[in-house]
Protein backbone atom coordinates (compact mmCIF):
# COMPACT_ATOMS: atom_id res chain seq x y z
CA MET A 1 134.72 44.44 143.15
CA ALA A 2 137.07 45.72 140.48
CA THR A 3 137.67 49.53 139.90
CA ASN A 4 139.51 51.11 136.95
CA LYS A 5 141.71 53.83 136.53
CA THR A 6 141.08 57.31 134.79
CA SER A 7 143.76 59.53 134.48
CA ILE A 8 143.15 62.93 132.55
CA TYR A 9 146.14 64.20 130.29
CA ASP A 10 146.58 67.06 128.40
CA GLY A 11 147.74 65.38 125.26
CA SER A 12 149.72 62.21 123.92
CA VAL A 13 152.94 61.89 121.32
CA PHE A 14 153.24 58.62 119.75
CA ILE A 15 157.04 57.59 119.04
CA ASN A 16 158.12 54.67 117.07
CA ASN A 17 160.51 53.34 114.25
CA THR A 18 160.28 57.23 112.39
CA VAL A 19 159.99 59.55 115.10
CA ASP A 20 162.07 58.09 117.59
CA HIS A 21 162.07 60.40 120.49
CA LEU A 22 160.12 62.94 122.30
CA ASP A 23 162.36 65.84 123.69
CA LEU A 24 160.28 68.73 126.39
CA SER A 25 163.74 69.27 128.39
CA GLY A 26 163.85 73.21 127.74
CA TRP A 27 167.93 72.08 127.36
CA ILE A 28 169.70 75.31 126.39
CA ASN A 29 173.26 73.77 127.08
CA ARG A 30 174.58 76.47 128.87
CA LYS A 31 176.31 76.78 132.20
CA VAL A 32 176.80 79.53 134.87
CA LYS A 33 179.75 81.21 134.29
CA THR A 34 180.72 82.54 138.01
CA THR A 35 179.43 81.44 141.43
CA VAL A 36 176.40 83.89 142.57
CA GLY A 37 174.25 84.46 145.54
CA ALA A 38 170.67 84.70 145.69
CA GLY A 39 169.14 87.69 144.84
CA THR A 40 171.42 88.44 141.89
CA LYS A 41 170.04 90.70 138.87
CA THR A 42 172.34 89.82 136.04
CA LEU A 43 173.46 86.03 135.47
CA VAL A 44 176.38 85.53 133.53
CA LEU A 45 176.37 81.90 131.17
CA ASN A 46 179.62 80.32 129.33
CA ALA A 47 178.00 81.13 125.62
CA ASP A 48 175.28 83.34 123.86
CA VAL A 49 172.18 82.62 124.69
CA SER A 50 170.20 85.63 122.71
CA SER A 51 168.50 83.17 120.12
CA LEU A 52 167.74 80.80 122.72
CA VAL A 53 166.44 82.68 125.43
CA SER A 54 163.32 85.33 125.26
CA VAL A 55 161.49 87.90 128.12
CA GLY A 56 159.35 85.89 129.83
CA ASP A 57 160.75 82.38 129.76
CA LYS A 58 161.37 81.00 133.42
CA LEU A 59 165.00 79.40 133.68
CA MET A 60 165.40 76.92 135.59
CA LYS A 61 168.85 74.94 137.37
CA SER A 62 168.74 71.89 135.99
CA LEU A 63 170.38 69.16 138.54
CA THR A 64 167.17 70.50 140.68
CA ASN A 65 164.31 71.74 138.85
CA GLU A 66 164.50 74.81 141.26
CA LEU A 67 163.33 78.39 139.75
CA ILE A 68 166.54 80.97 139.41
CA GLY A 69 163.79 83.72 138.02
CA THR A 70 161.99 85.18 135.10
CA VAL A 71 163.59 87.23 132.16
CA GLU A 72 163.74 90.27 131.73
CA SER A 73 166.32 90.77 129.17
CA VAL A 74 168.77 88.87 127.28
CA SER A 75 172.11 90.60 125.93
CA ALA A 76 174.49 87.80 124.41
CA SER A 77 176.24 85.64 127.75
CA ASN A 78 174.49 88.14 130.13
CA VAL A 79 170.41 86.93 131.20
CA SER A 80 168.59 89.61 133.85
CA PHE A 81 165.79 88.56 135.83
CA HIS A 82 162.98 90.97 136.46
CA GLN A 83 163.42 90.36 140.89
CA GLY A 84 166.90 88.97 140.92
CA THR A 85 168.00 85.02 140.92
CA LYS A 86 166.06 83.00 143.22
CA ILE A 87 168.60 80.95 144.72
CA HIS A 88 172.38 80.37 144.80
CA LEU A 89 174.21 78.96 141.72
CA VAL A 90 177.94 78.15 141.54
CA GLU A 91 180.02 77.65 138.62
CA ASP A 92 179.29 75.06 136.02
CA ASP A 93 175.64 74.39 137.49
CA TYR A 94 173.42 73.76 134.31
CA VAL A 95 170.40 75.86 133.19
CA HIS A 96 167.45 75.00 130.97
CA ILE A 97 164.45 76.88 130.07
CA TYR A 98 160.92 75.52 132.51
CA PRO A 99 159.10 73.34 129.65
CA LYS A 100 155.73 73.76 129.27
CA PHE A 101 154.60 69.99 129.65
CA GLU A 102 156.29 67.45 131.25
CA ILE A 103 155.97 63.32 130.15
CA VAL A 104 153.94 61.63 132.92
CA ARG A 105 152.96 58.23 131.67
CA ILE A 106 154.87 56.10 128.95
CA ASP A 107 152.73 53.05 127.70
CA PHE A 108 154.58 50.40 125.80
CA ILE A 109 152.11 49.38 122.75
CA GLY A 110 154.98 47.70 119.90
CA ASN A 111 155.97 44.67 121.00
CA GLU A 112 159.82 44.29 123.11
CA THR A 113 160.10 48.19 122.72
CA TYR A 114 163.68 48.86 123.76
CA LEU A 115 164.01 52.01 125.74
CA LEU A 116 167.10 53.94 125.31
CA LYS A 117 167.35 57.07 127.12
CA LEU A 118 164.87 58.69 130.00
CA THR A 119 165.54 61.82 131.54
CA PRO A 120 163.70 62.88 134.80
CA SER A 121 162.21 66.14 135.65
CA ASP A 122 164.39 66.16 139.19
CA ARG A 123 165.88 63.99 141.31
CA ARG A 124 162.93 61.91 142.17
CA PHE A 125 162.19 60.25 139.46
CA VAL A 126 164.48 57.43 137.92
CA GLY A 127 166.05 57.83 134.35
CA GLN A 128 169.69 56.88 132.88
CA ASP A 129 170.97 60.62 133.28
CA LEU A 130 170.85 62.90 136.06
CA PRO A 131 168.24 66.16 134.98
CA ASP A 132 171.26 67.86 134.10
CA LEU A 133 172.29 64.93 131.56
CA GLY A 134 175.16 63.87 133.79
CA THR A 135 175.43 60.20 134.45
CA TRP A 136 173.12 58.87 137.71
CA ALA A 137 174.86 57.19 140.42
CA SER A 138 175.53 53.51 140.25
CA ASN A 139 172.77 52.95 142.85
CA THR A 140 170.30 55.14 144.06
CA VAL A 141 171.20 56.54 147.53
CA ASN A 142 171.98 60.11 146.01
CA ASP A 143 168.99 60.06 144.63
CA PHE A 144 166.26 58.72 146.69
CA GLY A 145 167.68 58.30 150.43
CA THR A 146 168.64 54.50 150.71
CA VAL A 147 171.43 52.71 151.74
CA SER A 148 173.79 52.16 149.70
CA ALA A 149 173.52 49.76 146.77
CA ASP A 150 170.06 49.02 147.27
CA GLY A 151 169.26 48.56 143.39
CA THR A 152 169.75 50.50 140.81
CA SER A 153 168.19 53.66 139.06
CA MET A 154 167.16 52.49 135.66
CA PHE A 155 166.96 49.08 133.69
CA ASP A 156 167.07 50.70 130.12
CA GLY A 157 165.94 47.04 128.36
CA ALA A 158 163.03 46.00 126.24
CA GLN A 159 159.69 47.05 127.46
CA LEU A 160 156.83 44.26 127.20
CA ILE A 161 153.89 45.30 124.99
CA GLY A 162 151.59 45.97 127.75
CA THR A 163 154.02 47.57 129.97
CA SER A 164 153.42 51.52 131.57
CA ILE A 165 155.30 53.20 133.96
CA GLU A 166 154.81 56.52 135.34
CA GLY A 167 156.62 59.36 136.94
CA ARG A 168 157.73 63.02 135.50
CA TRP A 169 160.62 62.96 132.69
CA LYS A 170 161.35 65.93 130.06
CA TYR A 171 163.13 63.30 127.32
CA VAL A 172 162.45 59.74 126.29
CA MET A 173 163.81 57.71 123.45
CA ILE A 174 163.00 54.29 121.96
CA ASP A 175 165.55 52.43 119.45
CA CYS A 176 164.72 52.67 116.21
CA THR A 177 168.00 50.59 114.84
CA GLY A 178 167.43 46.43 114.18
CA ALA A 179 165.75 44.00 112.67
CA PRO A 180 163.31 44.23 115.52
CA ALA A 181 162.92 48.25 115.65
CA THR A 182 160.12 48.46 112.92
CA THR A 183 157.92 47.56 115.54
CA GLU A 184 159.13 49.22 118.56
CA ALA A 185 156.28 52.07 119.40
CA ALA A 186 155.10 54.00 122.61
CA ILE A 187 152.84 56.32 123.63
CA CYS A 188 153.66 59.27 125.93
CA TYR A 189 151.09 61.07 127.98
CA LEU A 190 151.81 65.15 128.79
CA ARG A 191 150.41 67.24 131.57
CA ALA A 192 151.46 70.92 131.64
CA THR A 193 153.80 71.89 134.11
CA PRO A 194 152.43 73.47 137.34
CA THR A 195 152.79 77.56 136.98
CA ILE A 196 155.51 78.89 138.76
CA MET A 197 155.83 82.69 140.25
């Protein structure tokens, strides 16, 4: 007997050749300036974040998507936390603001839509970037615990109309140049990110 799969999403965003990307990353392009242990009250970043980070924001370690802490105050490149940092951080770890939504499904509705960029929420999901925007390993061993050289992490070519992919991503971009680009389109389905304390 056939069954129908039903999924509930919090929203959807249409991307095409006019608006070719969706960015839910919380990316602020800032790194930890010096190594700090868990429980540190103030974190120093490599540049001013006073216009990017607000009181109440939750900062995350970009590579692993681990909670650093909830922001109590911001002064230039110094960020203070209510209860100190939750994790150990090393120099040059990227940080981002915890986003409100994630992309959990992409339906390709344009003919041969070319997927240019796909950034996962964490290392358990495929993409062309690491969650901190570094380059994925050439094979899956570093990210999924497989045997070395067991396949590549993501094929970034044309997706046929009707193709769907599911996972957890924070950034997606499709091609918007060239002759076939006017018919390239996708729907990105969103779910609210889990509440973290």
